[in-house]
Protein backbone atom coordinates (compact mmCIF):
# COMPACT_ATOMS: atom_id res chain seq x y z
CA MET A 1 27.92 -8.35 13.57
CA ALA A 2 26.99 -6.20 10.56
CA GLN A 3 30.08 -7.40 8.68
CA SER A 4 29.12 -11.08 9.08
CA TYR A 5 25.39 -10.61 8.45
CA PRO A 6 23.78 -12.30 6.58
CA THR A 7 25.05 -15.86 6.49
CA LYS A 8 21.81 -17.53 5.33
CA PRO A 9 18.66 -16.70 3.31
CA VAL A 10 16.51 -13.76 4.38
CA ARG A 11 12.71 -13.91 4.24
CA LEU A 12 10.67 -10.88 3.24
CA ILE A 13 7.07 -11.38 4.41
CA ILE A 14 4.12 -9.65 2.74
CA GLY A 15 0.55 -9.65 4.01
CA TYR A 16 -1.20 -9.76 0.65
CA VAL A 17 -1.89 -12.22 -2.16
CA PRO A 18 0.49 -12.48 -5.12
CA GLY A 19 -0.17 -10.23 -8.09
CA GLY A 20 -0.80 -6.99 -6.23
CA ALA A 21 1.33 -3.93 -5.59
CA ALA A 22 2.93 -5.32 -2.40
CA ASP A 23 3.99 -8.48 -4.21
CA PHE A 24 5.34 -6.45 -7.14
CA THR A 25 7.35 -4.18 -4.83
CA ALA A 26 8.64 -6.99 -2.63
CA ARG A 27 9.94 -9.01 -5.57
CA LEU A 28 11.73 -6.02 -7.09
CA ILE A 29 13.49 -5.32 -3.79
CA ALA A 30 14.27 -8.98 -3.09
CA GLN A 31 15.84 -9.54 -6.51
CA ARG A 32 18.31 -6.71 -5.96
CA LEU A 33 19.01 -7.17 -2.27
CA GLN A 34 20.30 -10.69 -2.90
CA MET A 35 22.91 -9.53 -5.42
CA PRO A 36 26.61 -10.11 -4.54
CA GLN A 37 27.31 -6.41 -3.97
CA GLN A 38 24.44 -6.19 -1.45
CA LEU A 39 23.41 -9.02 0.93
CA ALA A 40 24.83 -11.83 -1.22
CA GLN A 41 22.21 -14.23 0.15
CA PRO A 42 18.86 -15.34 -1.26
CA VAL A 43 15.98 -13.04 -0.30
CA ILE A 44 12.77 -15.06 -0.40
CA VAL A 45 9.40 -13.35 -0.72
CA GLU A 46 6.78 -15.13 1.37
CA SER A 47 3.11 -14.25 1.07
CA ARG A 48 0.95 -14.55 4.21
CA PRO A 49 -2.34 -12.91 3.27
CA GLY A 50 -5.33 -12.54 5.54
CA ALA A 51 -6.86 -10.46 8.31
CA GLY A 52 -5.78 -7.14 6.84
CA SER A 53 -2.11 -8.26 6.74
CA THR A 54 -2.08 -8.89 10.51
CA LEU A 55 -1.00 -12.51 9.98
CA ALA A 56 2.16 -11.36 8.21
CA ILE A 57 2.85 -8.67 10.80
CA HIS A 58 2.41 -11.13 13.67
CA ARG A 59 4.75 -13.58 11.94
CA VAL A 60 7.51 -10.97 11.81
CA ALA A 61 6.78 -9.41 15.21
CA THR A 62 7.26 -12.80 16.90
CA SER A 63 10.30 -13.90 14.87
CA PRO A 64 13.85 -13.89 16.28
CA PRO A 65 15.32 -10.38 16.05
CA ASP A 66 18.26 -11.47 13.93
CA GLY A 67 17.55 -9.80 10.57
CA TYR A 68 16.49 -12.98 8.78
CA THR A 69 12.73 -12.33 8.86
CA LEU A 70 11.64 -8.95 7.52
CA LEU A 71 8.27 -7.34 6.77
CA LEU A 72 7.22 -5.40 3.70
CA ILE A 73 4.83 -2.94 5.30
CA SER A 74 2.30 -0.71 3.54
CA GLU A 75 -0.22 1.86 4.69
CA GLY A 76 -2.77 -0.97 4.87
CA GLY A 77 -0.70 -2.75 7.50
CA LEU A 78 -1.31 0.08 9.96
CA VAL A 79 -5.08 0.09 9.64
CA GLN A 80 -5.91 -2.73 12.06
CA SER A 81 -3.80 -1.10 14.77
CA ALA A 82 -5.40 2.26 14.02
CA ARG A 83 -8.86 0.67 14.29
CA GLY A 84 -8.13 -0.44 17.84
CA ALA A 85 -8.58 -4.08 16.89
CA LYS A 86 -7.51 -6.76 19.38
CA LEU A 87 -4.17 -7.92 18.00
CA PRO A 88 -1.53 -10.34 19.25
CA TYR A 89 1.12 -7.65 18.83
CA ASP A 90 1.69 -3.96 19.44
CA PHE A 91 2.75 -2.41 16.15
CA GLU A 92 4.93 0.37 17.56
CA ARG A 93 6.43 -1.80 20.32
CA ASP A 94 7.10 -5.03 18.43
CA LEU A 95 8.55 -3.81 15.14
CA SER A 96 11.65 -1.82 14.18
CA PRO A 97 11.48 0.45 11.11
CA ILE A 98 14.32 0.01 8.61
CA SER A 99 13.55 2.15 5.57
CA PHE A 100 10.91 3.65 3.35
CA ILE A 101 10.94 2.21 -0.20
CA ALA A 102 8.43 3.96 -2.40
CA VAL A 103 5.29 6.05 -2.51
CA GLY A 104 2.57 6.23 -5.10
CA PRO A 105 -1.07 6.97 -5.74
CA GLN A 106 -4.11 4.81 -5.65
CA GLY A 107 -6.22 5.18 -8.75
CA LEU A 108 -9.95 5.83 -8.81
CA VAL A 109 -11.02 3.39 -11.52
CA VAL A 110 -14.50 2.71 -12.88
CA HIS A 111 -16.02 0.24 -15.33
CA PRO A 112 -15.99 1.73 -18.85
CA THR A 113 -19.78 1.47 -19.15
CA LEU A 114 -20.40 3.64 -16.09
CA PRO A 115 -21.91 6.96 -17.29
CA ALA A 116 -19.24 9.06 -15.60
CA ARG A 117 -16.33 10.36 -17.65
CA ASN A 118 -14.80 12.36 -14.79
CA VAL A 119 -14.93 12.72 -11.01
CA LYS A 120 -17.59 15.44 -11.03
CA GLU A 121 -19.91 13.26 -13.09
CA LEU A 122 -19.23 10.32 -10.77
CA ILE A 123 -20.09 12.40 -7.70
CA ALA A 124 -23.29 13.64 -9.34
CA LEU A 125 -24.25 10.08 -10.27
CA ALA A 126 -23.57 8.81 -6.74
CA ARG A 127 -25.60 11.60 -5.18
CA ARG A 128 -28.55 10.88 -7.49
CA HIS A 129 -28.44 7.20 -6.53
CA PRO A 130 -27.25 6.96 -2.90
CA GLY A 131 -26.35 3.42 -1.90
CA LYS A 132 -26.65 2.10 -5.47
CA LEU A 133 -22.97 2.26 -6.48
CA SER A 134 -20.26 0.07 -4.94
CA PHE A 135 -16.51 0.44 -4.56
CA GLY A 136 -14.11 -2.44 -4.02
CA SER A 137 -11.10 -2.76 -1.77
CA SER A 138 -8.53 -5.33 -0.65
CA GLY A 139 -10.52 -5.97 2.52
CA ASN A 140 -12.54 -4.44 5.34
CA GLY A 141 -10.44 -1.79 7.05
CA SER A 142 -7.81 -1.88 4.28
CA ALA A 143 -6.11 1.18 2.84
CA GLN A 144 -8.36 1.02 -0.24
CA HIS A 145 -11.38 0.88 2.08
CA LEU A 146 -10.18 4.01 3.87
CA ALA A 147 -9.53 5.77 0.56
CA GLY A 148 -13.11 5.07 -0.47
CA GLU A 149 -14.54 6.23 2.84
CA LEU A 150 -12.49 9.41 2.61
CA PHE A 151 -14.05 9.95 -0.82
CA ASN A 152 -17.54 9.47 0.66
CA LEU A 153 -16.82 11.92 3.46
CA THR A 154 -15.26 14.54 1.18
CA ALA A 155 -17.78 14.24 -1.68
CA GLN A 156 -20.80 13.71 0.60
CA THR A 157 -21.77 10.52 -1.22
CA ARG A 158 -22.91 7.07 -0.07
CA ILE A 159 -21.06 4.56 -2.19
CA LEU A 160 -21.14 1.09 -0.64
CA HIS A 161 -17.98 -0.81 0.26
CA VAL A 162 -17.37 -4.35 -1.08
CA PRO A 163 -14.28 -6.07 0.39
CA PHE A 164 -12.17 -8.58 -1.55
CA LYS A 165 -9.19 -10.72 -0.58
CA GLY A 166 -6.70 -8.45 -2.35
CA GLY A 167 -6.27 -5.38 -4.53
CA ALA A 168 -5.85 -7.46 -7.68
CA GLN A 169 -9.22 -9.17 -7.09
CA SER A 170 -10.85 -5.80 -6.51
CA ALA A 171 -9.55 -4.50 -9.86
CA VAL A 172 -10.76 -7.67 -11.61
CA ALA A 173 -14.21 -7.19 -10.07
CA VAL A 174 -14.51 -3.71 -11.56
CA ALA A 175 -13.16 -4.84 -14.95
CA SER A 176 -15.72 -7.67 -15.04
CA GLY A 177 -18.61 -5.38 -14.11
CA GLU A 178 -19.26 -7.00 -10.75
CA ILE A 179 -18.89 -3.60 -9.03
CA GLU A 180 -18.76 -0.08 -10.45
CA MET A 181 -15.51 1.31 -9.07
CA ALA A 182 -12.50 0.86 -6.83
CA PHE A 183 -9.60 2.68 -5.31
CA ALA A 184 -6.93 0.43 -6.77
CA THR A 185 -3.18 0.33 -6.53
CA ILE A 186 -1.71 1.32 -9.88
CA PRO A 187 0.21 -1.95 -10.47
CA SER A 188 -2.93 -4.06 -10.03
CA ALA A 189 -5.01 -1.77 -12.27
CA LEU A 190 -2.53 -0.93 -15.07
CA PRO A 191 -3.12 -4.04 -17.22
CA PHE A 192 -6.87 -3.35 -17.23
CA ILE A 193 -6.38 0.38 -17.87
CA SER A 194 -4.05 -0.37 -20.80
CA SER A 195 -6.59 -2.77 -22.33
CA ASN A 196 -9.47 -0.28 -21.81
CA ARG A 197 -11.24 -2.60 -19.37
CA LEU A 198 -10.97 0.07 -16.65
CA ARG A 199 -11.26 3.84 -16.89
CA LEU A 200 -8.86 5.77 -14.67
CA LEU A 201 -10.55 8.98 -13.49
CA ALA A 202 -8.06 10.38 -10.98
CA ILE A 203 -5.30 9.58 -8.52
CA THR A 204 -5.18 10.09 -4.76
CA LEU A 205 -1.88 11.99 -4.46
CA PRO A 206 -1.93 15.77 -3.82
CA GLN A 207 0.06 16.35 -7.05
CA ARG A 208 0.18 14.61 -10.42
CA ALA A 209 2.45 11.60 -10.71
CA SER A 210 5.43 11.84 -13.07
CA PHE A 211 4.36 8.62 -14.76
CA LEU A 212 0.67 9.64 -15.09
CA ARG A 213 0.96 13.23 -16.29
CA ASP A 214 -2.41 13.16 -18.07
CA THR A 215 -4.33 11.91 -15.04
CA PRO A 216 -5.68 14.58 -12.66
CA THR A 217 -5.59 14.32 -8.91
CA LEU A 218 -8.82 14.09 -6.93
CA ASN A 219 -7.85 17.44 -5.47
CA GLU A 220 -7.77 18.96 -8.98
CA ALA A 221 -11.01 17.19 -9.88
CA GLY A 222 -12.96 19.03 -7.21
CA LEU A 223 -12.30 17.25 -3.90
CA ALA A 224 -10.22 19.94 -2.22
CA GLY A 225 -7.68 18.58 0.25
CA TYR A 226 -8.16 14.93 -0.71
CA GLU A 227 -4.96 12.88 -0.28
CA TYR A 228 -4.37 9.20 0.37
CA SER A 229 -1.03 7.75 -0.68
CA ALA A 230 0.08 4.18 -1.20
CA TRP A 231 3.52 3.58 0.32
CA TYR A 232 5.86 0.72 1.16
CA GLY A 233 8.71 0.18 3.57
CA VAL A 234 10.64 -2.55 5.35
CA MET A 235 10.55 -3.40 9.06
CA ALA A 236 12.15 -5.99 11.34
CA PRO A 237 11.27 -7.49 14.72
CA ALA A 238 11.90 -5.18 17.67
CA ALA A 239 15.29 -5.66 19.35
CA THR A 240 16.99 -6.40 16.05
CA PRO A 241 20.58 -5.18 16.62
CA PRO A 242 21.12 -1.60 15.38
CA GLU A 243 24.11 -2.79 13.35
CA ILE A 244 21.85 -5.08 11.32
CA ILE A 245 19.19 -2.37 10.94
CA ALA A 246 21.89 -0.01 9.64
CA ARG A 247 23.24 -2.67 7.27
CA LEU A 248 19.78 -3.28 5.82
CA ASN A 249 19.00 0.43 5.59
CA GLU A 250 22.20 0.99 3.62
CA ALA A 251 21.51 -1.93 1.27
CA ILE A 252 17.92 -0.88 0.63
CA GLY A 253 19.02 2.69 -0.08
CA LYS A 254 21.54 1.47 -2.63
CA VAL A 255 19.15 -0.78 -4.53
CA VAL A 256 16.16 1.60 -4.49
CA ASN A 257 17.98 4.77 -5.53
CA THR A 258 19.24 3.56 -8.89
CA ALA A 259 18.10 4.64 -12.34
CA ASP A 260 16.86 1.20 -13.35
CA MET A 261 14.92 0.73 -10.12
CA LYS A 262 13.29 4.14 -10.52
CA GLU A 263 12.23 3.18 -14.04
CA LEU A 264 10.80 -0.15 -12.87
CA LEU A 265 8.97 1.39 -9.90
CA ASN A 266 7.58 4.16 -12.12
CA LYS A 267 6.19 1.53 -14.50
CA GLY A 268 4.49 0.00 -11.49
CA GLY A 269 3.00 3.32 -10.41
CA LEU A 270 5.49 4.15 -7.64
CA ASP A 271 8.27 6.64 -6.98
CA PRO A 272 11.36 5.49 -5.04
CA GLN A 273 11.88 7.18 -1.70
CA THR A 274 14.15 6.08 1.14
CA ASN A 275 14.97 7.50 4.57
CA THR A 276 16.65 6.69 7.87
CA PRO A 277 15.14 4.27 10.42
CA ARG A 278 14.36 7.22 12.71
CA GLU A 279 12.64 9.16 9.92
CA PHE A 280 10.65 6.09 8.93
CA ALA A 281 9.57 5.56 12.55
CA ALA A 282 8.31 9.17 12.74
CA PHE A 283 6.47 8.75 9.44
CA VAL A 284 4.74 5.56 10.64
CA LYS A 285 3.67 7.26 13.88
CA ASN A 286 2.14 10.13 11.89
CA GLN A 287 0.34 7.72 9.53
CA LEU A 288 -1.14 5.81 12.47
CA GLU A 289 -2.58 9.00 13.90
CA LYS A 290 -4.06 10.08 10.55
CA SER A 291 -5.66 6.66 10.09
CA ARG A 292 -7.17 6.75 13.59
CA LYS A 293 -8.84 10.08 12.84
CA LEU A 294 -10.22 8.90 9.48
CA ILE A 295 -11.51 5.63 10.95
CA LYS A 296 -13.33 7.52 13.68
CA LEU A 297 -14.92 9.93 11.17
CA ALA A 298 -15.97 7.08 8.87
CA GLY A 299 -17.38 5.04 11.75
CA ILE A 300 -15.36 1.93 10.92
CA SER A 301 -15.57 -0.51 13.81
CA ALA A 302 -12.70 -2.45 15.37
CA ASP A 303 -14.52 -5.79 14.88
C-alpha cells in the first residue's frame, strides 16, 4: 500500500486564514512534498478558518482514512479540546499523529508609540493602568490568547484580550494603533517589525532563537519560568493505515531536515524539528494537559 500511495492529489487542511504562520508553514511543506522524489502528486493547501480551527480539524477527522486529507495542526488546534468545549470530534481518538514539523516563539509586540521600551516597563505601565491596555490574538481560546493570559498570570497584570479572526489581523491591529500589543507569530509580525511599525520586546521561548539573537526571552526579561511555544505538525484521520503514516512521516522528515528548508523556516521565525508518530502523539498529549491547566488558572470558559 505504501509503495502505491499516493495516486492522486493530497489535501493539507489548515484552520486559519491565509497570510499567517500556519499558511506560511503549510505552503512550504506542500511545495516540497509534491516533488518527484517525495510524493510526486500535487499537495493542495486548503484553508478552513473559523471556530478556533475546529472546522478544519472536524473536516480531517471525518475524512476517509486513506492519506489524501491531512491536517496541519498547531498548538492553537488543541485549545478547544483542552477547554472542554462541545466538539463533533474527539481529538485524541479521531486523529493520527504523523510528524512534528517546526517549533518557534511567539513575539510580544507593541505599537511603537507605547511608552514601554522593554518588558519591565510594559509590566509597570500595565500595573499602573489595570484594564486600560489590550492585547490581540487570533481568536478567543487561541494559542495567542493563552500566551497573553499566561503573561497576565505571571506578571500579575490585567491586560484585556481582543480576539481577531487570525494572527495576521491581530498584528495589523497593533501596527495600526487599534490595540497596544499582541502575542504574535513571528511570520505574521516580521514585515511590521522590519518596517518599524511594531516593536518586538521579547519572545516566548525559554531560550533565545537562533534567528533572533538580539531579542530577549520573557524569562530573561523578568518573567521567570514563562514559556509558550508555537509549533506545527501534520496529522491524519484515525485508522489511516500505518504504512501510509510511515510513508508520510518519512517524506516529511526528508523535506523538513534540509539546509534550504531550515533557512526558509528560520526566516519565518521557526526551527525545523521532526519526530516519529509515537513521539508526536506523546508530545500532543503533554500539550493538551498543559493547556488544560492554563485554561483553568486563567478562568477561560468552554463556551
